[in-house]
Amino acid sequence: MDTTTTVIVIAAVLAALVLAAAVAVLVRLVRTRRDLSRAGLPTGPRWVFWGAVVYLVLPTDLLPDPIYLDDIGVLLLALHNLRAPLRGMYGHKSPLTTQSKETNHPFDSYK
């Protein structure tokens, strides 16, 4: 193989890996929204969720489509936004975290 072919193969493999990462974040976003909805918890504005999904699918991006880093960033922001109402409900602490009476350190109550 010559140098040009090697560079093209490496670029294609990297593009496939970044696309796989974008799809993995999308799946996480959809599952998180579904789980929050099933639990009756707030999921934030719908337009944030659907806007992130549409941004991933549409070919018009800030960066050309073989580079999915901007898509991943938008999906991560939407995932962060979905979880924001939960942080407000629990004061930036996990609902399962309590204080130890002996050491005054937080610990997980499910352990």
N, C-alpha and C. Protein backbone atom coordinates (compact mmCIF):
# COMPACT_ATOMS: atom_id res chain seq x y z
N MET A 1 0.83 -1.18 0.00
CA MET A 1 0.00 0.00 0.00
C MET A 1 0.88 1.24 0.00
N ASP A 2 0.46 2.21 -0.78
CA ASP A 2 1.21 3.45 -0.79
C ASP A 2 0.71 4.38 0.33
N THR A 3 1.36 5.50 0.46
CA THR A 3 1.06 6.42 1.56
C THR A 3 -0.35 7.00 1.46
N THR A 4 -0.81 7.31 0.26
CA THR A 4 -2.14 7.89 0.09
C THR A 4 -3.23 6.93 0.54
N THR A 5 -3.09 5.68 0.18
CA THR A 5 -4.08 4.68 0.56
C THR A 5 -4.09 4.51 2.08
N THR A 6 -2.93 4.50 2.68
CA THR A 6 -2.83 4.35 4.13
C THR A 6 -3.52 5.52 4.84
N VAL A 7 -3.30 6.72 4.37
CA VAL A 7 -3.92 7.90 4.98
C VAL A 7 -5.44 7.84 4.83
N ILE A 8 -5.92 7.43 3.68
CA ILE A 8 -7.36 7.33 3.45
C ILE A 8 -7.98 6.27 4.36
N VAL A 9 -7.32 5.14 4.51
CA VAL A 9 -7.83 4.07 5.37
C VAL A 9 -7.87 4.54 6.83
N ILE A 10 -6.82 5.21 7.27
CA ILE A 10 -6.78 5.70 8.66
C ILE A 10 -7.86 6.74 8.87
N ALA A 11 -8.07 7.64 7.92
CA ALA A 11 -9.11 8.66 8.04
C ALA A 11 -10.50 8.02 8.08
N ALA A 12 -10.71 6.99 7.28
CA ALA A 12 -12.00 6.31 7.26
C ALA A 12 -12.26 5.59 8.59
N VAL A 13 -11.25 4.97 9.13
CA VAL A 13 -11.40 4.27 10.42
C VAL A 13 -11.69 5.27 11.53
N LEU A 14 -10.98 6.40 11.54
CA LEU A 14 -11.23 7.42 12.56
C LEU A 14 -12.64 8.00 12.42
N ALA A 15 -13.09 8.25 11.20
CA ALA A 15 -14.44 8.76 10.98
C ALA A 15 -15.49 7.76 11.47
N ALA A 16 -15.25 6.48 11.22
CA ALA A 16 -16.18 5.44 11.69
C ALA A 16 -16.21 5.38 13.21
N LEU A 17 -15.07 5.53 13.86
CA LEU A 17 -15.02 5.51 15.32
C LEU A 17 -15.75 6.70 15.92
N VAL A 18 -15.57 7.88 15.33
CA VAL A 18 -16.24 9.07 15.84
C VAL A 18 -17.75 8.96 15.60
N LEU A 19 -18.16 8.41 14.47
CA LEU A 19 -19.58 8.20 14.22
C LEU A 19 -20.17 7.21 15.23
N ALA A 20 -19.44 6.17 15.54
CA ALA A 20 -19.90 5.20 16.54
C ALA A 20 -20.05 5.87 17.90
N ALA A 21 -19.14 6.77 18.24
CA ALA A 21 -19.26 7.49 19.51
C ALA A 21 -20.49 8.39 19.52
N ALA A 22 -20.76 9.04 18.39
CA ALA A 22 -21.95 9.90 18.30
C ALA A 22 -23.23 9.08 18.45
N VAL A 23 -23.28 7.93 17.84
CA VAL A 23 -24.46 7.07 17.95
C VAL A 23 -24.60 6.56 19.39
N ALA A 24 -23.49 6.24 20.03
CA ALA A 24 -23.55 5.78 21.42
C ALA A 24 -24.10 6.88 22.34
N VAL A 25 -23.69 8.12 22.13
CA VAL A 25 -24.21 9.22 22.95
C VAL A 25 -25.69 9.44 22.65
N LEU A 26 -26.08 9.30 21.38
CA LEU A 26 -27.50 9.42 21.01
C LEU A 26 -28.35 8.36 21.71
N VAL A 27 -27.88 7.14 21.74
CA VAL A 27 -28.60 6.06 22.42
C VAL A 27 -28.71 6.37 23.91
N ARG A 28 -27.65 6.87 24.49
CA ARG A 28 -27.69 7.23 25.92
C ARG A 28 -28.70 8.34 26.17
N LEU A 29 -28.75 9.32 25.27
CA LEU A 29 -29.69 10.43 25.40
C LEU A 29 -31.14 9.92 25.34
N VAL A 30 -31.42 9.06 24.38
CA VAL A 30 -32.78 8.53 24.22
C VAL A 30 -33.17 7.68 25.43
N ARG A 31 -32.25 6.85 25.90
CA ARG A 31 -32.55 6.01 27.06
C ARG A 31 -32.76 6.83 28.33
N THR A 32 -31.96 7.87 28.50
CA THR A 32 -32.11 8.72 29.67
C THR A 32 -33.46 9.42 29.66
N ARG A 33 -33.85 9.95 28.51
CA ARG A 33 -35.15 10.63 28.41
C ARG A 33 -36.29 9.65 28.66
N ARG A 34 -36.17 8.46 28.10
CA ARG A 34 -37.22 7.45 28.30
C ARG A 34 -37.31 7.05 29.77
N ASP A 35 -36.18 6.82 30.42
CA ASP A 35 -36.19 6.41 31.83
C ASP A 35 -36.74 7.51 32.73
N LEU A 36 -36.37 8.77 32.46
CA LEU A 36 -36.90 9.86 33.27
C LEU A 36 -38.41 10.00 33.07
N SER A 37 -38.86 9.84 31.83
CA SER A 37 -40.31 9.94 31.56
C SER A 37 -41.07 8.82 32.25
N ARG A 38 -40.54 7.60 32.21
CA ARG A 38 -41.21 6.47 32.85
C ARG A 38 -41.27 6.63 34.36
N ALA A 39 -40.26 7.27 34.92
CA ALA A 39 -40.23 7.47 36.37
C ALA A 39 -41.07 8.66 36.81
N GLY A 40 -41.61 9.39 35.84
CA GLY A 40 -42.43 10.55 36.17
C GLY A 40 -41.63 11.76 36.58
N LEU A 41 -40.34 11.79 36.22
CA LEU A 41 -39.47 12.91 36.57
C LEU A 41 -39.41 13.90 35.41
N PRO A 42 -39.09 15.16 35.68
CA PRO A 42 -39.03 16.15 34.60
C PRO A 42 -37.87 15.87 33.65
N THR A 43 -38.09 16.10 32.37
CA THR A 43 -37.06 15.85 31.36
C THR A 43 -36.58 17.13 30.69
N GLY A 44 -37.07 18.27 31.12
CA GLY A 44 -36.65 19.52 30.51
C GLY A 44 -37.44 19.77 29.23
N PRO A 45 -37.07 20.83 28.52
CA PRO A 45 -37.81 21.18 27.30
C PRO A 45 -37.65 20.13 26.20
N ARG A 46 -38.73 19.85 25.51
CA ARG A 46 -38.68 18.87 24.41
C ARG A 46 -37.80 19.33 23.26
N TRP A 47 -37.78 20.64 23.01
CA TRP A 47 -37.05 21.13 21.85
C TRP A 47 -35.55 20.87 21.98
N VAL A 48 -35.03 20.78 23.19
CA VAL A 48 -33.60 20.50 23.37
C VAL A 48 -33.30 19.07 22.91
N PHE A 49 -34.14 18.13 23.33
CA PHE A 49 -33.96 16.74 22.94
C PHE A 49 -34.07 16.58 21.42
N TRP A 50 -35.19 17.07 20.87
CA TRP A 50 -35.41 16.91 19.43
C TRP A 50 -34.43 17.73 18.60
N GLY A 51 -34.03 18.87 19.09
CA GLY A 51 -33.03 19.67 18.38
C GLY A 51 -31.70 18.95 18.27
N ALA A 52 -31.29 18.27 19.34
CA ALA A 52 -30.03 17.52 19.30
C ALA A 52 -30.12 16.34 18.34
N VAL A 53 -31.27 15.66 18.34
CA VAL A 53 -31.44 14.52 17.42
C VAL A 53 -31.43 15.00 15.98
N VAL A 54 -32.14 16.09 15.70
CA VAL A 54 -32.18 16.62 14.32
C VAL A 54 -30.81 17.11 13.91
N TYR A 55 -30.07 17.75 14.81
CA TYR A 55 -28.73 18.24 14.48
C TYR A 55 -27.80 17.10 14.09
N LEU A 56 -27.95 15.95 14.74
CA LEU A 56 -27.12 14.80 14.39
C LEU A 56 -27.49 14.27 13.01
N VAL A 57 -28.77 14.27 12.67
CA VAL A 57 -29.23 13.65 11.43
C VAL A 57 -29.02 14.57 10.23
N LEU A 58 -29.25 15.86 10.39
CA LEU A 58 -29.15 16.77 9.26
C LEU A 58 -27.71 16.91 8.77
N PRO A 59 -27.53 17.07 7.47
CA PRO A 59 -26.17 17.19 6.93
C PRO A 59 -25.56 18.58 7.14
N THR A 60 -26.35 19.59 7.49
CA THR A 60 -25.83 20.94 7.71
C THR A 60 -25.32 21.04 9.13
N ASP A 61 -24.02 21.24 9.29
CA ASP A 61 -23.38 21.29 10.59
C ASP A 61 -22.40 22.45 10.66
N LEU A 62 -21.88 22.66 11.87
CA LEU A 62 -20.80 23.63 12.01
C LEU A 62 -19.51 23.11 11.40
N LEU A 63 -19.28 21.83 11.54
CA LEU A 63 -18.13 21.16 10.94
C LEU A 63 -18.65 20.17 9.91
N PRO A 64 -17.87 19.86 8.89
CA PRO A 64 -18.32 18.88 7.89
C PRO A 64 -18.66 17.54 8.54
N ASP A 65 -19.58 16.80 7.91
CA ASP A 65 -20.12 15.60 8.54
C ASP A 65 -19.13 14.46 8.82
N PRO A 66 -18.05 14.28 8.12
CA PRO A 66 -17.13 13.22 8.57
C PRO A 66 -16.53 13.50 9.95
N ILE A 67 -16.61 14.76 10.39
CA ILE A 67 -16.11 15.13 11.71
C ILE A 67 -17.33 15.32 12.61
N TYR A 68 -17.64 14.35 13.44
CA TYR A 68 -18.86 14.36 14.26
C TYR A 68 -18.64 14.95 15.64
N LEU A 69 -17.55 15.67 15.85
CA LEU A 69 -17.27 16.19 17.18
C LEU A 69 -18.29 17.24 17.60
N ASP A 70 -18.75 18.07 16.68
CA ASP A 70 -19.77 19.06 17.04
C ASP A 70 -21.10 18.37 17.34
N ASP A 71 -21.42 17.31 16.62
CA ASP A 71 -22.64 16.55 16.89
C ASP A 71 -22.60 15.92 18.28
N ILE A 72 -21.44 15.38 18.63
CA ILE A 72 -21.28 14.77 19.95
C ILE A 72 -21.43 15.84 21.03
N GLY A 73 -20.87 17.02 20.79
CA GLY A 73 -21.00 18.11 21.76
C GLY A 73 -22.45 18.53 21.97
N VAL A 74 -23.21 18.63 20.88
CA VAL A 74 -24.63 19.00 21.00
C VAL A 74 -25.40 17.92 21.74
N LEU A 75 -25.12 16.65 21.46
CA LEU A 75 -25.80 15.56 22.16
C LEU A 75 -25.45 15.56 23.65
N LEU A 76 -24.19 15.82 23.98
CA LEU A 76 -23.80 15.86 25.39
C LEU A 76 -24.45 17.03 26.12
N LEU A 77 -24.58 18.18 25.44
CA LEU A 77 -25.28 19.31 26.05
C LEU A 77 -26.75 18.98 26.29
N ALA A 78 -27.38 18.29 25.35
CA ALA A 78 -28.78 17.89 25.53
C ALA A 78 -28.91 16.90 26.69
N LEU A 79 -27.97 15.96 26.80
CA LEU A 79 -27.99 15.00 27.91
C LEU A 79 -27.81 15.73 29.24
N HIS A 80 -26.93 16.70 29.27
CA HIS A 80 -26.72 17.51 30.47
C HIS A 80 -27.99 18.28 30.83
N ASN A 81 -28.66 18.80 29.80
CA ASN A 81 -29.89 19.56 30.02
C ASN A 81 -31.02 18.66 30.52
N LEU A 82 -31.07 17.41 30.08
CA LEU A 82 -32.09 16.49 30.56
C LEU A 82 -31.93 16.22 32.05
N ARG A 83 -30.71 16.16 32.49
CA ARG A 83 -30.46 15.85 33.89
C ARG A 83 -30.49 17.08 34.79
N ALA A 84 -30.54 18.28 34.23
CA ALA A 84 -30.51 19.52 35.02
C ALA A 84 -31.67 19.61 36.01
N PRO A 85 -32.91 19.27 35.62
CA PRO A 85 -33.98 19.35 36.63
C PRO A 85 -33.74 18.44 37.84
N LEU A 86 -33.08 17.33 37.64
CA LEU A 86 -32.80 16.43 38.77
C LEU A 86 -31.80 17.06 39.72
N ARG A 87 -30.80 17.75 39.19
CA ARG A 87 -29.84 18.42 40.06
C ARG A 87 -30.52 19.51 40.86
N GLY A 88 -31.50 20.18 40.28
CA GLY A 88 -32.23 21.21 41.00
C GLY A 88 -33.10 20.63 42.10
N MET A 89 -33.66 19.45 41.85
CA MET A 89 -34.53 18.81 42.85
C MET A 89 -33.75 18.34 44.06
N TYR A 90 -32.53 17.88 43.85
CA TYR A 90 -31.77 17.28 44.94
C TYR A 90 -30.61 18.16 45.41
N GLY A 91 -30.56 19.40 45.00
CA GLY A 91 -29.53 20.31 45.48
C GLY A 91 -28.13 19.89 45.10
N HIS A 92 -27.91 19.45 43.89
CA HIS A 92 -26.63 19.02 43.35
C HIS A 92 -26.06 17.79 44.06
N LYS A 93 -26.89 17.06 44.79
CA LYS A 93 -26.45 15.83 45.43
C LYS A 93 -27.29 14.68 44.93
N SER A 94 -26.73 13.54 44.92
CA SER A 94 -27.48 12.35 44.56
C SER A 94 -28.53 12.08 45.62
N PRO A 95 -29.71 11.60 45.23
CA PRO A 95 -30.73 11.32 46.24
C PRO A 95 -30.35 10.18 47.18
N LEU A 96 -29.35 9.40 46.82
CA LEU A 96 -28.97 8.26 47.65
C LEU A 96 -27.76 8.56 48.54
N THR A 97 -27.28 9.80 48.53
CA THR A 97 -26.12 10.16 49.33
C THR A 97 -26.58 10.73 50.67
N THR A 98 -26.04 10.21 51.76
CA THR A 98 -26.37 10.71 53.09
C THR A 98 -25.08 10.97 53.84
N GLN A 99 -25.19 11.61 54.98
CA GLN A 99 -24.03 11.91 55.81
C GLN A 99 -23.84 10.82 56.86
N SER A 100 -22.61 10.42 57.07
CA SER A 100 -22.29 9.49 58.14
C SER A 100 -22.26 10.24 59.47
N LYS A 101 -22.91 9.69 60.50
CA LYS A 101 -22.96 10.37 61.79
C LYS A 101 -21.62 10.30 62.53
N GLU A 102 -20.86 9.23 62.30
CA GLU A 102 -19.60 9.09 63.01
C GLU A 102 -18.49 9.94 62.40
N THR A 103 -18.37 9.92 61.06
CA THR A 103 -17.24 10.59 60.42
C THR A 103 -17.62 11.90 59.75
N ASN A 104 -18.92 12.19 59.63
CA ASN A 104 -19.42 13.40 58.98
C ASN A 104 -18.98 13.48 57.51
N HIS A 105 -18.82 12.32 56.86
CA HIS A 105 -18.49 12.25 55.45
C HIS A 105 -19.67 11.66 54.69
N PRO A 106 -19.86 12.10 53.44
CA PRO A 106 -20.95 11.53 52.66
C PRO A 106 -20.65 10.08 52.27
N PHE A 107 -21.65 9.26 52.23
CA PHE A 107 -21.51 7.90 51.75
C PHE A 107 -22.79 7.52 51.03
N ASP A 108 -22.69 6.51 50.21
CA ASP A 108 -23.85 6.03 49.46
C ASP A 108 -24.64 5.08 50.34
N SER A 109 -25.95 5.36 50.48
CA SER A 109 -26.77 4.56 51.38
C SER A 109 -27.10 3.18 50.83
N TYR A 110 -26.85 2.92 49.55
CA TYR A 110 -27.17 1.62 48.99
C TYR A 110 -26.03 0.65 49.13
N LYS A 111 -24.90 1.08 49.66
CA LYS A 111 -23.75 0.17 49.82
C LYS A 111 -23.82 -0.52 51.16
